[in-house]
Amino acid sequence: MIFTVRTTVGRESTVIETLSTRSTNMQAGIKAFVHPEELRGYIFIEGDVHSIETVIGGVPHVKGIIRKDVPILELKKFLETKKAEIKVDRGDVVEIVGGPFKNEKGKVVRVDEAKGEITLELMGSAIPIPISISIDSIRIVEKIGGGASG
């Protein structure tokens, strides 16, 4: 069975690490932990409710368990990887939404659609440093590149 555990927003990964260690040490029989990025303040744990309650007891940033089994079909949308259809052109300004350069902005200098990557120069640096990053790890801030008229 899969149950929802409420956590402090922004501490989901920390809670999962703690619970994973506790679960292993206690041999609690918890099968999986899931934290969909879209759901802030919630994690899903697969196991029996008694084991989950034992493992979450006294853990910082855990606010409680919702005692209702979550069908796997309801989680399916969070577990499937989707290929984002983002049209990026040279010159566009983008923000990086994941990885070590998260929240940095950059200007697109090259688009490699075959690999699903772009090369951009970070805007905050004194010397332009080109980095390659997955198109899935960005969001467009300003559309500058040529469209159909280009």
C-alpha atoms as a PDB file:
ATOM      1  CA  MET A   1       0.000   0.000   0.000  1.00  0.00           C
ATOM      2  CA  ILE A   2       1.128   3.557  -0.674  1.00  0.00           C
ATOM      3  CA  PHE A   3       0.546   6.332   1.839  1.00  0.00           C
ATOM      4  CA  THR A   4       1.051  10.084   1.734  1.00  0.00           C
ATOM      5  CA  VAL A   5       3.252  11.743   4.352  1.00  0.00           C
ATOM      6  CA  ARG A   6       3.081  15.505   4.893  1.00  0.00           C
ATOM      7  CA  THR A   7       6.406  17.292   5.325  1.00  0.00           C
ATOM      8  CA  THR A   8       7.777  20.785   5.694  1.00  0.00           C
ATOM      9  CA  VAL A   9       7.870  22.360   2.220  1.00  0.00           C
ATOM     10  CA  GLY A  10      11.380  22.236   0.809  1.00  0.00           C
ATOM     11  CA  ARG A  11      12.526  19.481   3.186  1.00  0.00           C
ATOM     12  CA  GLU A  12      11.101  16.518   1.277  1.00  0.00           C
ATOM     13  CA  SER A  13      14.494  15.166   0.135  1.00  0.00           C
ATOM     14  CA  THR A  14      15.980  15.507   3.632  1.00  0.00           C
ATOM     15  CA  VAL A  15      13.000  13.637   5.088  1.00  0.00           C
ATOM     16  CA  ILE A  16      13.344  10.848   2.499  1.00  0.00           C
ATOM     17  CA  GLU A  17      17.065  10.437   3.280  1.00  0.00           C
ATOM     18  CA  THR A  18      16.350  10.236   7.014  1.00  0.00           C
ATOM     19  CA  LEU A  19      13.425   7.846   6.578  1.00  0.00           C
ATOM     20  CA  SER A  20      15.377   5.641   4.187  1.00  0.00           C
ATOM     21  CA  THR A  21      18.218   5.279   6.697  1.00  0.00           C
ATOM     22  CA  ARG A  22      15.801   4.635   9.580  1.00  0.00           C
ATOM     23  CA  SER A  23      13.824   2.132   7.514  1.00  0.00           C
ATOM     24  CA  THR A  24      16.990   0.183   6.692  1.00  0.00           C
ATOM     25  CA  ASN A  25      18.258   0.282  10.289  1.00  0.00           C
ATOM     26  CA  MET A  26      14.886  -0.788  11.701  1.00  0.00           C
ATOM     27  CA  GLN A  27      14.334  -3.347   8.921  1.00  0.00           C
ATOM     28  CA  ALA A  28      10.866  -1.862   8.582  1.00  0.00           C
ATOM     29  CA  GLY A  29      10.066  -3.365   5.192  1.00  0.00           C
ATOM     30  CA  ILE A  30       9.347  -0.103   3.427  1.00  0.00           C
ATOM     31  CA  LYS A  31       9.614  -0.670  -0.309  1.00  0.00           C
ATOM     32  CA  ALA A  32       9.874   2.805  -1.855  1.00  0.00           C
ATOM     33  CA  PHE A  33       9.885   6.570  -1.301  1.00  0.00           C
ATOM     34  CA  VAL A  34       8.690   9.005  -3.972  1.00  0.00           C
ATOM     35  CA  HIS A  35       8.753  12.794  -4.029  1.00  0.00           C
ATOM     36  CA  PRO A  36       7.166  14.300  -7.152  1.00  0.00           C
ATOM     37  CA  GLU A  37       8.671  17.750  -7.740  1.00  0.00           C
ATOM     38  CA  GLU A  38       5.193  19.145  -8.490  1.00  0.00           C
ATOM     39  CA  LEU A  39       3.900  18.280  -5.012  1.00  0.00           C
ATOM     40  CA  ARG A  40       5.664  20.394  -2.457  1.00  0.00           C
ATOM     41  CA  GLY A  41       5.231  19.301   1.142  1.00  0.00           C
ATOM     42  CA  TYR A  42       4.285  15.703   0.374  1.00  0.00           C
ATOM     43  CA  ILE A  43       6.094  12.404  -0.153  1.00  0.00           C
ATOM     44  CA  PHE A  44       4.705   8.956  -0.889  1.00  0.00           C
ATOM     45  CA  ILE A  45       5.862   5.835   0.920  1.00  0.00           C
ATOM     46  CA  GLU A  46       5.127   2.257  -0.076  1.00  0.00           C
ATOM     47  CA  GLY A  47       4.730  -0.126   2.858  1.00  0.00           C
ATOM     48  CA  ASP A  48       2.250  -1.070   5.550  1.00  0.00           C
ATOM     49  CA  VAL A  49       0.843   1.761   7.650  1.00  0.00           C
ATOM     50  CA  HIS A  50       2.285   0.410  10.928  1.00  0.00           C
ATOM     51  CA  SER A  51       5.851   0.299   9.526  1.00  0.00           C
ATOM     52  CA  ILE A  52       5.504   3.791   8.069  1.00  0.00           C
ATOM     53  CA  GLU A  53       4.205   5.214  11.361  1.00  0.00           C
ATOM     54  CA  THR A  54       7.092   3.574  13.227  1.00  0.00           C
ATOM     55  CA  VAL A  55       9.710   4.975  10.826  1.00  0.00           C
ATOM     56  CA  ILE A  56       8.311   8.546  10.666  1.00  0.00           C
ATOM     57  CA  GLY A  57       7.909   8.854  14.449  1.00  0.00           C
ATOM     58  CA  GLY A  58       9.974  11.756  15.798  1.00  0.00           C
ATOM     59  CA  VAL A  59      11.600  12.623  12.462  1.00  0.00           C
ATOM     60  CA  PRO A  60      12.107  16.394  11.994  1.00  0.00           C
ATOM     61  CA  HIS A  61      10.022  18.031   9.247  1.00  0.00           C
ATOM     62  CA  VAL A  62       7.438  15.201   9.192  1.00  0.00           C
ATOM     63  CA  LYS A  63       3.991  16.631   9.873  1.00  0.00           C
ATOM     64  CA  GLY A  64       1.976  13.421   9.706  1.00  0.00           C
ATOM     65  CA  ILE A  65       0.583  10.628   7.615  1.00  0.00           C
ATOM     66  CA  ILE A  66      -2.627  10.637   5.604  1.00  0.00           C
ATOM     67  CA  ARG A  67      -4.187   7.262   6.423  1.00  0.00           C
ATOM     68  CA  LYS A  68      -5.605   6.626   2.969  1.00  0.00           C
ATOM     69  CA  ASP A  69      -4.064   4.254   0.453  1.00  0.00           C
ATOM     70  CA  VAL A  70      -3.043   6.030  -2.768  1.00  0.00           C
ATOM     71  CA  PRO A  71      -3.697   3.907  -5.876  1.00  0.00           C
ATOM     72  CA  ILE A  72      -0.599   3.551  -8.063  1.00  0.00           C
ATOM     73  CA  LEU A  73      -2.613   4.880 -11.024  1.00  0.00           C
ATOM     74  CA  GLU A  74      -2.890   8.253  -9.261  1.00  0.00           C
ATOM     75  CA  LEU A  75       0.919   8.396  -8.992  1.00  0.00           C
ATOM     76  CA  LYS A  76       1.514   7.264 -12.570  1.00  0.00           C
ATOM     77  CA  LYS A  77       1.473  10.825 -13.932  1.00  0.00           C
ATOM     78  CA  PHE A  78       4.321  11.726 -11.562  1.00  0.00           C
ATOM     79  CA  LEU A  79       6.381   8.640 -12.380  1.00  0.00           C
ATOM     80  CA  GLU A  80       6.293   8.822 -16.179  1.00  0.00           C
ATOM     81  CA  THR A  81       8.971  10.851 -17.884  1.00  0.00           C
ATOM     82  CA  LYS A  82       7.586  13.222 -20.440  1.00  0.00           C
ATOM     83  CA  LYS A  83       9.522  14.678 -23.336  1.00  0.00           C
ATOM     84  CA  ALA A  84       8.959  18.391 -23.051  1.00  0.00           C
ATOM     85  CA  GLU A  85       8.215  20.090 -26.325  1.00  0.00           C
ATOM     86  CA  ILE A  86      10.116  23.312 -25.779  1.00  0.00           C
ATOM     87  CA  LYS A  87      11.040  25.294 -28.873  1.00  0.00           C
ATOM     88  CA  VAL A  88      14.304  27.074 -28.164  1.00  0.00           C
ATOM     89  CA  ASP A  89      16.164  29.293 -30.622  1.00  0.00           C
ATOM     90  CA  ARG A  90      19.584  30.961 -30.630  1.00  0.00           C
ATOM     91  CA  GLY A  91      19.461  34.230 -28.734  1.00  0.00           C
ATOM     92  CA  ASP A  92      16.654  33.205 -26.371  1.00  0.00           C
ATOM     93  CA  VAL A  93      17.171  33.961 -22.694  1.00  0.00           C
ATOM     94  CA  VAL A  94      16.485  30.935 -20.495  1.00  0.00           C
ATOM     95  CA  GLU A  95      16.553  30.085 -16.803  1.00  0.00           C
ATOM     96  CA  ILE A  96      18.017  26.795 -15.641  1.00  0.00           C
ATOM     97  CA  VAL A  97      15.508  24.935 -13.459  1.00  0.00           C
ATOM     98  CA  GLY A  98      17.643  21.996 -12.318  1.00  0.00           C
ATOM     99  CA  GLY A  99      21.188  20.886 -11.617  1.00  0.00           C
ATOM    100  CA  PRO A 100      24.217  22.784 -10.344  1.00  0.00           C
ATOM    101  CA  PHE A 101      23.353  25.960 -12.288  1.00  0.00           C
ATOM    102  CA  LYS A 102      19.745  26.094 -11.028  1.00  0.00           C
ATOM    103  CA  ASN A 103      18.208  29.619 -11.101  1.00  0.00           C
ATOM    104  CA  GLU A 104      21.019  30.933 -13.346  1.00  0.00           C
ATOM    105  CA  LYS A 105      20.022  32.728 -16.537  1.00  0.00           C
ATOM    106  CA  GLY A 106      21.799  32.347 -19.831  1.00  0.00           C
ATOM    107  CA  LYS A 107      21.643  33.216 -23.500  1.00  0.00           C
ATOM    108  CA  VAL A 108      21.269  30.333 -25.956  1.00  0.00           C
ATOM    109  CA  VAL A 109      24.206  30.143 -28.388  1.00  0.00           C
ATOM    110  CA  ARG A 110      23.505  26.715 -29.934  1.00  0.00           C
ATOM    111  CA  VAL A 111      20.599  24.268 -30.116  1.00  0.00           C
ATOM    112  CA  ASP A 112      21.185  20.544 -30.683  1.00  0.00           C
ATOM    113  CA  GLU A 113      17.680  19.148 -31.169  1.00  0.00           C
ATOM    114  CA  ALA A 114      18.980  15.646 -31.980  1.00  0.00           C
ATOM    115  CA  LYS A 115      20.551  15.363 -28.511  1.00  0.00           C
ATOM    116  CA  GLY A 116      17.886  17.471 -26.807  1.00  0.00           C
ATOM    117  CA  GLU A 117      20.556  19.872 -25.557  1.00  0.00           C
ATOM    118  CA  ILE A 118      21.344  23.548 -25.774  1.00  0.00           C
ATOM    119  CA  THR A 119      24.577  25.412 -25.244  1.00  0.00           C
ATOM    120  CA  LEU A 120      24.247  28.688 -23.416  1.00  0.00           C
ATOM    121  CA  GLU A 121      26.427  31.370 -21.927  1.00  0.00           C
ATOM    122  CA  LEU A 122      25.670  32.269 -18.333  1.00  0.00           C
ATOM    123  CA  MET A 123      24.672  35.922 -18.041  1.00  0.00           C
ATOM    124  CA  GLY A 124      25.916  36.474 -14.497  1.00  0.00           C
ATOM    125  CA  SER A 125      29.569  35.693 -15.205  1.00  0.00           C
ATOM    126  CA  ALA A 126      32.209  38.267 -16.167  1.00  0.00           C
ATOM    127  CA  ILE A 127      33.629  35.915 -18.799  1.00  0.00           C
ATOM    128  CA  PRO A 128      31.082  34.105 -20.957  1.00  0.00           C
ATOM    129  CA  ILE A 129      31.289  30.430 -20.017  1.00  0.00           C
ATOM    130  CA  PRO A 130      29.491  28.118 -22.453  1.00  0.00           C
ATOM    131  CA  ILE A 131      27.685  25.197 -20.839  1.00  0.00           C
ATOM    132  CA  SER A 132      25.629  22.436 -22.443  1.00  0.00           C
ATOM    133  CA  ILE A 133      22.426  21.455 -20.715  1.00  0.00           C
ATOM    134  CA  SER A 134      19.348  19.351 -21.416  1.00  0.00           C
ATOM    135  CA  ILE A 135      16.399  21.243 -22.901  1.00  0.00           C
ATOM    136  CA  ASP A 136      14.283  19.634 -20.141  1.00  0.00           C
ATOM    137  CA  SER A 137      16.311  21.556 -17.525  1.00  0.00           C
ATOM    138  CA  ILE A 138      15.377  25.042 -18.688  1.00  0.00           C
ATOM    139  CA  ARG A 139      12.463  27.381 -19.019  1.00  0.00           C
ATOM    140  CA  ILE A 140      12.310  30.228 -21.506  1.00  0.00           C
ATOM    141  CA  VAL A 141      12.439  33.666 -19.908  1.00  0.00           C
ATOM    142  CA  GLU A 142      12.561  35.787 -23.054  1.00  0.00           C
ATOM    143  CA  LYS A 143      11.917  34.677 -26.636  1.00  0.00           C
ATOM    144  CA  ILE A 144      14.394  36.479 -28.897  1.00  0.00           C
ATOM    145  CA  GLY A 145      15.454  33.888 -31.484  1.00  0.00           C
ATOM    146  CA  GLY A 146      14.010  33.785 -34.978  1.00  0.00           C
ATOM    147  CA  GLY A 147      10.716  31.997 -35.482  1.00  0.00           C
ATOM    148  CA  ALA A 148       9.081  31.288 -38.850  1.00  0.00           C
ATOM    149  CA  SER A 149      10.294  34.610 -40.283  1.00  0.00           C
ATOM    150  CA  GLY A 150      13.971  33.911 -39.466  1.00  0.00           C
END
